[in-house]
Amino acid sequence: MTHFKPLSQRIKDPPSQDQNTGHWWYTLEDVPVGYWPASMFTNLQAAVRAVWAGQVLNTHPGGHHTATQMGNGIFPEEKQTAAYFHNLQVLVDSGRWAFPPSLNNFKDNRFCYDSEATFLFVKNAFHFGGPRRSPVCM
């Protein structure tokens, strides 16, 4: 029997906007890592939808599916070990964070990859993942 304990990587702090420059900074444990220039976001004054995704793209319709895994390669049914997003929030007026009212899943081949929204243990979360091309995922 094989046992493994996946390394869990967590991003706890959301990007923050510098009020002087308008740049969006990403920090890790209070250390600035980098920023997205304000010039990249000139058309984002308002939004009607936010998207979080685990994504793998196969650009060859009808061909073999990609050999790239999604997330850490584990299907979402294995909640203790699958990749996940949780406590998803959006930045709304006046810098206030809010939970989106709902989450929707999309998957085009559940034998290759899957996603699953959950609200049992944490607010607004989804698990996602899948191994890659295999005998059941072509």
N, C-alpha and C. Protein backbone atom coordinates (compact mmCIF):
# COMPACT_ATOMS: atom_id res chain seq x y z
N MET A 1 0.84 -1.17 0.00
CA MET A 1 0.00 0.00 0.00
C MET A 1 0.89 1.23 0.00
N THR A 2 0.59 2.17 -0.85
CA THR A 2 1.36 3.41 -0.93
C THR A 2 0.67 4.49 -0.13
N HIS A 3 1.43 5.19 0.66
CA HIS A 3 0.90 6.32 1.43
C HIS A 3 1.67 7.56 1.01
N PHE A 4 0.99 8.66 0.93
CA PHE A 4 1.67 9.91 0.66
C PHE A 4 0.95 11.03 1.37
N LYS A 5 1.69 12.06 1.65
CA LYS A 5 1.10 13.26 2.25
C LYS A 5 1.48 14.41 1.34
N PRO A 6 0.53 14.93 0.57
CA PRO A 6 0.87 15.99 -0.37
C PRO A 6 1.28 17.27 0.37
N LEU A 7 2.18 18.00 -0.24
CA LEU A 7 2.60 19.27 0.30
C LEU A 7 1.50 20.29 0.02
N SER A 8 0.97 20.88 1.05
CA SER A 8 -0.12 21.83 0.90
C SER A 8 0.46 23.24 0.79
N GLN A 9 0.12 23.93 -0.27
CA GLN A 9 0.56 25.31 -0.47
C GLN A 9 -0.65 26.22 -0.31
N ARG A 10 -0.55 27.19 0.56
CA ARG A 10 -1.67 28.08 0.80
C ARG A 10 -1.27 29.52 0.53
N ILE A 11 -2.14 30.21 -0.16
CA ILE A 11 -1.98 31.65 -0.35
C ILE A 11 -3.05 32.29 0.52
N LYS A 12 -2.63 32.91 1.60
CA LYS A 12 -3.58 33.42 2.58
C LYS A 12 -3.98 34.87 2.33
N ASP A 13 -3.07 35.67 1.82
CA ASP A 13 -3.34 37.09 1.67
C ASP A 13 -3.68 37.43 0.23
N PRO A 14 -4.79 38.11 0.01
CA PRO A 14 -5.13 38.51 -1.36
C PRO A 14 -4.24 39.66 -1.81
N PRO A 15 -4.13 39.87 -3.12
CA PRO A 15 -3.40 41.05 -3.59
C PRO A 15 -4.03 42.32 -3.02
N SER A 16 -3.22 43.34 -2.83
CA SER A 16 -3.74 44.61 -2.31
C SER A 16 -3.33 45.73 -3.25
N GLN A 17 -4.17 46.73 -3.33
CA GLN A 17 -3.91 47.84 -4.24
C GLN A 17 -3.20 48.98 -3.52
N ASP A 18 -2.11 49.44 -4.10
CA ASP A 18 -1.40 50.61 -3.59
C ASP A 18 -2.23 51.84 -3.92
N GLN A 19 -2.65 52.57 -2.92
CA GLN A 19 -3.54 53.71 -3.13
C GLN A 19 -2.86 54.87 -3.86
N ASN A 20 -1.53 54.93 -3.86
CA ASN A 20 -0.81 56.00 -4.55
C ASN A 20 -0.59 55.69 -6.03
N THR A 21 -0.16 54.46 -6.34
CA THR A 21 0.17 54.11 -7.73
C THR A 21 -0.96 53.39 -8.45
N GLY A 22 -1.84 52.74 -7.69
CA GLY A 22 -2.89 51.93 -8.30
C GLY A 22 -2.44 50.52 -8.64
N HIS A 23 -1.14 50.21 -8.43
CA HIS A 23 -0.62 48.86 -8.70
C HIS A 23 -1.22 47.87 -7.70
N TRP A 24 -1.37 46.62 -8.15
CA TRP A 24 -1.85 45.54 -7.28
C TRP A 24 -0.66 44.71 -6.86
N TRP A 25 -0.38 44.67 -5.56
CA TRP A 25 0.78 43.97 -5.01
C TRP A 25 0.41 42.61 -4.47
N TYR A 26 1.29 41.64 -4.71
CA TYR A 26 1.16 40.33 -4.09
C TYR A 26 2.29 40.21 -3.07
N THR A 27 1.94 39.85 -1.84
CA THR A 27 2.93 39.64 -0.79
C THR A 27 2.78 38.22 -0.26
N LEU A 28 3.87 37.67 0.20
CA LEU A 28 3.88 36.34 0.80
C LEU A 28 4.54 36.49 2.17
N GLU A 29 3.75 36.24 3.21
CA GLU A 29 4.22 36.41 4.59
C GLU A 29 4.80 37.81 4.78
N ASP A 30 4.07 38.82 4.34
CA ASP A 30 4.41 40.24 4.48
C ASP A 30 5.64 40.68 3.68
N VAL A 31 6.13 39.84 2.78
CA VAL A 31 7.26 40.20 1.93
C VAL A 31 6.73 40.45 0.52
N PRO A 32 6.92 41.67 -0.03
CA PRO A 32 6.45 41.93 -1.40
C PRO A 32 7.14 41.01 -2.40
N VAL A 33 6.32 40.33 -3.21
CA VAL A 33 6.84 39.40 -4.20
C VAL A 33 6.85 40.05 -5.58
N GLY A 34 5.81 40.80 -5.88
CA GLY A 34 5.71 41.45 -7.17
C GLY A 34 4.37 42.14 -7.29
N TYR A 35 4.17 42.81 -8.43
CA TYR A 35 2.91 43.53 -8.61
C TYR A 35 2.46 43.47 -10.05
N TRP A 36 1.16 43.74 -10.22
CA TRP A 36 0.56 43.92 -11.53
C TRP A 36 0.35 45.41 -11.70
N PRO A 37 0.91 46.02 -12.76
CA PRO A 37 0.76 47.46 -12.94
C PRO A 37 -0.70 47.88 -13.12
N ALA A 38 -1.03 49.04 -12.61
CA ALA A 38 -2.39 49.56 -12.73
C ALA A 38 -2.82 49.65 -14.20
N SER A 39 -1.87 49.86 -15.10
CA SER A 39 -2.19 49.99 -16.53
C SER A 39 -2.81 48.72 -17.12
N MET A 40 -2.65 47.59 -16.45
CA MET A 40 -3.24 46.34 -16.93
C MET A 40 -4.74 46.27 -16.66
N PHE A 41 -5.23 47.12 -15.76
CA PHE A 41 -6.61 47.00 -15.29
C PHE A 41 -7.44 48.25 -15.57
N THR A 42 -7.24 48.86 -16.70
CA THR A 42 -7.95 50.11 -17.00
C THR A 42 -9.44 49.91 -17.25
N ASN A 43 -9.86 48.71 -17.63
CA ASN A 43 -11.28 48.47 -17.94
C ASN A 43 -11.98 47.64 -16.88
N LEU A 44 -11.47 47.63 -15.67
CA LEU A 44 -12.05 46.79 -14.63
C LEU A 44 -12.69 47.61 -13.51
N GLN A 45 -13.38 48.65 -13.86
CA GLN A 45 -14.04 49.46 -12.84
C GLN A 45 -15.23 48.74 -12.23
N ALA A 46 -15.85 47.85 -12.98
CA ALA A 46 -17.00 47.09 -12.49
C ALA A 46 -17.00 45.73 -13.18
N ALA A 47 -17.59 44.75 -12.51
CA ALA A 47 -17.65 43.41 -13.08
C ALA A 47 -18.98 42.76 -12.73
N VAL A 48 -19.41 41.83 -13.55
CA VAL A 48 -20.64 41.09 -13.27
C VAL A 48 -20.34 39.63 -12.93
N ARG A 49 -19.07 39.21 -13.10
CA ARG A 49 -18.74 37.82 -12.84
C ARG A 49 -17.27 37.72 -12.42
N ALA A 50 -16.99 36.83 -11.50
CA ALA A 50 -15.61 36.51 -11.11
C ALA A 50 -15.39 35.04 -11.41
N VAL A 51 -14.18 34.68 -11.84
CA VAL A 51 -13.89 33.30 -12.22
C VAL A 51 -12.63 32.84 -11.50
N TRP A 52 -12.74 31.68 -10.83
CA TRP A 52 -11.58 30.98 -10.28
C TRP A 52 -11.53 29.67 -11.03
N ALA A 53 -10.34 29.20 -11.37
CA ALA A 53 -10.33 28.02 -12.22
C ALA A 53 -9.10 27.16 -12.01
N GLY A 54 -9.31 25.87 -12.16
CA GLY A 54 -8.26 24.92 -12.41
C GLY A 54 -8.50 24.54 -13.86
N GLN A 55 -7.53 24.73 -14.72
CA GLN A 55 -7.83 24.61 -16.14
C GLN A 55 -6.72 23.87 -16.88
N VAL A 56 -7.13 22.99 -17.78
CA VAL A 56 -6.23 22.31 -18.71
C VAL A 56 -6.90 22.41 -20.07
N LEU A 57 -6.14 22.76 -21.09
CA LEU A 57 -6.71 22.99 -22.41
C LEU A 57 -6.14 21.99 -23.41
N ASN A 58 -7.03 21.35 -24.15
CA ASN A 58 -6.64 20.47 -25.24
C ASN A 58 -7.05 21.15 -26.53
N THR A 59 -6.09 21.60 -27.32
CA THR A 59 -6.40 22.34 -28.54
C THR A 59 -6.52 21.45 -29.78
N HIS A 60 -6.53 20.13 -29.59
CA HIS A 60 -6.64 19.22 -30.73
C HIS A 60 -7.94 18.42 -30.64
N PRO A 61 -9.06 19.00 -31.08
CA PRO A 61 -10.33 18.27 -31.01
C PRO A 61 -10.23 16.94 -31.75
N GLY A 62 -10.73 15.90 -31.11
CA GLY A 62 -10.71 14.59 -31.72
C GLY A 62 -9.40 13.84 -31.54
N GLY A 63 -8.36 14.52 -31.04
CA GLY A 63 -7.07 13.86 -30.82
C GLY A 63 -6.98 13.31 -29.41
N HIS A 64 -5.80 12.83 -29.06
CA HIS A 64 -5.58 12.33 -27.70
C HIS A 64 -5.66 13.48 -26.72
N HIS A 65 -6.16 13.18 -25.54
CA HIS A 65 -6.24 14.22 -24.52
C HIS A 65 -4.85 14.54 -24.00
N THR A 66 -4.70 15.68 -23.40
CA THR A 66 -3.40 16.15 -22.92
C THR A 66 -2.82 15.25 -21.83
N ALA A 67 -1.51 15.25 -21.73
CA ALA A 67 -0.82 14.50 -20.68
C ALA A 67 -0.57 15.37 -19.45
N THR A 68 -1.20 16.54 -19.39
CA THR A 68 -1.04 17.46 -18.27
C THR A 68 -2.07 17.18 -17.20
N GLN A 69 -1.64 17.07 -15.96
CA GLN A 69 -2.60 16.89 -14.87
C GLN A 69 -3.19 18.23 -14.48
N MET A 70 -4.36 18.19 -13.84
CA MET A 70 -4.98 19.40 -13.30
C MET A 70 -4.79 19.38 -11.79
N GLY A 71 -4.47 20.55 -11.24
CA GLY A 71 -4.23 20.63 -9.80
C GLY A 71 -3.05 19.75 -9.44
N ASN A 72 -3.22 18.91 -8.43
CA ASN A 72 -2.15 17.98 -8.05
C ASN A 72 -2.38 16.59 -8.64
N GLY A 73 -3.33 16.47 -9.58
CA GLY A 73 -3.58 15.21 -10.25
C GLY A 73 -4.58 14.30 -9.57
N ILE A 74 -5.15 14.74 -8.46
CA ILE A 74 -6.07 13.92 -7.69
C ILE A 74 -7.50 14.41 -7.92
N PHE A 75 -8.43 13.48 -8.17
CA PHE A 75 -9.83 13.85 -8.38
C PHE A 75 -10.42 14.48 -7.12
N PRO A 76 -11.39 15.38 -7.27
CA PRO A 76 -11.94 16.11 -6.13
C PRO A 76 -12.67 15.26 -5.10
N GLU A 77 -13.06 14.06 -5.46
CA GLU A 77 -13.73 13.20 -4.48
C GLU A 77 -12.81 12.90 -3.30
N GLU A 78 -11.51 12.96 -3.53
CA GLU A 78 -10.52 12.74 -2.47
C GLU A 78 -10.25 14.08 -1.78
N LYS A 79 -11.23 14.56 -1.04
CA LYS A 79 -11.17 15.91 -0.48
C LYS A 79 -9.98 16.16 0.44
N GLN A 80 -9.47 15.14 1.08
CA GLN A 80 -8.34 15.34 2.00
C GLN A 80 -7.04 15.63 1.26
N THR A 81 -6.98 15.26 -0.03
CA THR A 81 -5.72 15.41 -0.75
C THR A 81 -5.83 16.18 -2.06
N ALA A 82 -7.03 16.40 -2.58
CA ALA A 82 -7.20 17.09 -3.87
C ALA A 82 -6.91 18.59 -3.72
N ALA A 83 -6.56 19.22 -4.84
CA ALA A 83 -6.34 20.67 -4.86
C ALA A 83 -7.66 21.38 -4.61
N TYR A 84 -7.59 22.57 -4.05
CA TYR A 84 -8.83 23.29 -3.75
C TYR A 84 -8.61 24.79 -3.64
N PHE A 85 -9.69 25.53 -3.82
CA PHE A 85 -9.79 26.94 -3.48
C PHE A 85 -10.83 27.01 -2.38
N HIS A 86 -10.66 27.90 -1.41
CA HIS A 86 -11.71 28.05 -0.40
C HIS A 86 -11.77 29.49 0.10
N ASN A 87 -12.89 29.80 0.73
CA ASN A 87 -13.17 31.16 1.21
C ASN A 87 -13.01 32.18 0.09
N LEU A 88 -13.51 31.84 -1.09
CA LEU A 88 -13.42 32.73 -2.24
C LEU A 88 -14.25 33.98 -2.00
N GLN A 89 -13.64 35.13 -2.25
CA GLN A 89 -14.32 36.40 -2.05
C GLN A 89 -13.98 37.33 -3.20
N VAL A 90 -14.80 38.33 -3.38
CA VAL A 90 -14.56 39.36 -4.39
C VAL A 90 -14.45 40.70 -3.69
N LEU A 91 -13.65 41.58 -4.26
CA LEU A 91 -13.49 42.93 -3.73
C LEU A 91 -14.58 43.81 -4.31
N VAL A 92 -15.41 44.37 -3.44
CA VAL A 92 -16.52 45.20 -3.90
C VAL A 92 -16.28 46.65 -3.47
N ASP A 93 -17.29 47.46 -3.59
CA ASP A 93 -17.17 48.89 -3.33
C ASP A 93 -16.41 49.21 -2.04
N SER A 94 -15.65 50.26 -2.08
CA SER A 94 -14.91 50.78 -0.93
C SER A 94 -13.93 49.78 -0.33
N GLY A 95 -13.42 48.84 -1.12
CA GLY A 95 -12.43 47.91 -0.63
C GLY A 95 -12.97 46.83 0.30
N ARG A 96 -14.26 46.60 0.29
CA ARG A 96 -14.87 45.58 1.15
C ARG A 96 -14.87 44.24 0.41
N TRP A 97 -14.56 43.15 1.16
CA TRP A 97 -14.57 41.81 0.60
C TRP A 97 -15.91 41.16 0.87
N ALA A 98 -16.44 40.43 -0.12
CA ALA A 98 -17.74 39.77 0.03
C ALA A 98 -17.69 38.39 -0.61
N PHE A 99 -18.49 37.46 -0.05
CA PHE A 99 -18.60 36.13 -0.63
C PHE A 99 -19.54 36.18 -1.83
N PRO A 100 -19.20 35.54 -2.95
CA PRO A 100 -20.14 35.49 -4.07
C PRO A 100 -21.37 34.68 -3.67
N PRO A 101 -22.53 35.00 -4.24
CA PRO A 101 -23.76 34.33 -3.82
C PRO A 101 -23.83 32.85 -4.21
N SER A 102 -23.08 32.43 -5.23
CA SER A 102 -23.12 31.03 -5.64
C SER A 102 -21.84 30.67 -6.39
N LEU A 103 -21.61 29.37 -6.51
CA LEU A 103 -20.50 28.85 -7.31
C LEU A 103 -21.07 27.86 -8.31
N ASN A 104 -20.57 27.90 -9.54
CA ASN A 104 -21.01 26.97 -10.58
C ASN A 104 -19.79 26.21 -11.09
N ASN A 105 -19.99 24.93 -11.38
CA ASN A 105 -18.93 24.08 -11.92
C ASN A 105 -19.10 23.90 -13.41
N PHE A 106 -17.98 23.76 -14.10
CA PHE A 106 -18.00 23.37 -15.51
C PHE A 106 -16.88 22.36 -15.72
N LYS A 107 -17.19 21.28 -16.36
CA LYS A 107 -16.18 20.31 -16.77
C LYS A 107 -16.65 19.67 -18.07
N ASP A 108 -15.72 19.45 -18.98
CA ASP A 108 -16.13 18.88 -20.26
C ASP A 108 -15.79 17.40 -20.40
N ASN A 109 -15.00 16.85 -19.49
CA ASN A 109 -14.70 15.42 -19.54
C ASN A 109 -14.38 14.94 -18.13
N ARG A 110 -15.40 14.48 -17.41
CA ARG A 110 -15.22 14.10 -16.01
C ARG A 110 -14.37 12.85 -15.82
N PHE A 111 -14.06 12.14 -16.91
CA PHE A 111 -13.16 10.99 -16.80
C PHE A 111 -11.69 11.44 -16.77
N CYS A 112 -11.44 12.68 -17.22
CA CYS A 112 -10.09 13.23 -17.21
C CYS A 112 -9.87 14.18 -16.04
N TYR A 113 -10.86 15.04 -15.80
CA TYR A 113 -10.76 16.08 -14.78
C TYR A 113 -12.14 16.30 -14.19
N ASP A 114 -12.18 16.84 -12.99
CA ASP A 114 -13.47 17.11 -12.37
C ASP A 114 -13.33 18.29 -11.42
N SER A 115 -14.45 18.87 -11.06
CA SER A 115 -14.49 19.91 -10.04
C SER A 115 -15.77 19.72 -9.25
N GLU A 116 -15.74 20.16 -8.02
CA GLU A 116 -16.88 19.93 -7.14
C GLU A 116 -16.97 21.06 -6.12
N ALA A 117 -18.06 21.81 -6.15
CA ALA A 117 -18.28 22.88 -5.17
C ALA A 117 -18.69 22.26 -3.85
N THR A 118 -18.26 22.87 -2.77
CA THR A 118 -18.62 22.37 -1.44
C THR A 118 -18.75 23.54 -0.47
N PHE A 119 -19.65 23.38 0.46
CA PHE A 119 -19.85 24.41 1.48
C PHE A 119 -19.88 23.77 2.86
N LEU A 120 -19.47 22.51 2.97
CA LEU A 120 -19.60 21.78 4.23
C LEU A 120 -18.69 22.30 5.34
N PHE A 121 -17.41 22.41 5.07
CA PHE A 121 -16.46 22.74 6.12
C PHE A 121 -15.93 24.17 6.03
N VAL A 122 -15.89 24.70 4.84
CA VAL A 122 -15.44 26.08 4.65
C VAL A 122 -16.41 26.76 3.70
N LYS A 123 -16.42 28.06 3.74
CA LYS A 123 -17.35 28.82 2.92
C LYS A 123 -16.81 28.94 1.49
N ASN A 124 -17.72 28.84 0.52
CA ASN A 124 -17.39 29.04 -0.89
C ASN A 124 -16.08 28.35 -1.29
N ALA A 125 -16.16 27.06 -1.50
CA ALA A 125 -14.96 26.31 -1.85
C ALA A 125 -15.24 25.37 -3.01
N PHE A 126 -14.19 25.01 -3.73
CA PHE A 126 -14.32 23.90 -4.66
C PHE A 126 -13.01 23.15 -4.74
N HIS A 127 -13.14 21.84 -4.89
CA HIS A 127 -12.01 20.95 -5.10
C HIS A 127 -11.94 20.67 -6.60
N PHE A 128 -10.74 20.48 -7.11
CA PHE A 128 -10.59 20.23 -8.54
C PHE A 128 -9.36 19.37 -8.78
N GLY A 129 -9.35 18.68 -9.92
CA GLY A 129 -8.17 17.93 -10.29
C GLY A 129 -8.47 16.76 -11.19
N GLY A 130 -7.42 16.12 -11.60
CA GLY A 130 -7.50 14.95 -12.45
C GLY A 130 -6.12 14.56 -12.91
N PRO A 131 -5.91 13.26 -13.18
CA PRO A 131 -4.56 12.77 -13.41
C PRO A 131 -3.92 13.18 -14.74
N ARG A 132 -4.53 12.95 -15.83
CA ARG A 132 -4.02 13.23 -17.18
C ARG A 132 -4.50 12.12 -18.08
N ARG A 133 -4.00 12.09 -19.30
CA ARG A 133 -4.40 11.05 -20.25
C ARG A 133 -4.16 9.67 -19.65
N SER A 134 -5.16 8.80 -19.80
CA SER A 134 -5.09 7.44 -19.27
C SER A 134 -6.01 6.57 -20.12
N PRO A 135 -6.12 5.27 -19.83
CA PRO A 135 -7.03 4.43 -20.62
C PRO A 135 -8.48 4.90 -20.59
N VAL A 136 -8.92 5.57 -19.52
CA VAL A 136 -10.30 6.07 -19.47
C VAL A 136 -10.40 7.52 -19.89
N CYS A 137 -9.28 8.18 -20.07
CA CYS A 137 -9.24 9.59 -20.49
C CYS A 137 -8.41 9.70 -21.75
N MET A 138 -9.08 9.67 -22.88
CA MET A 138 -8.36 9.71 -24.16
C MET A 138 -8.58 11.01 -24.88
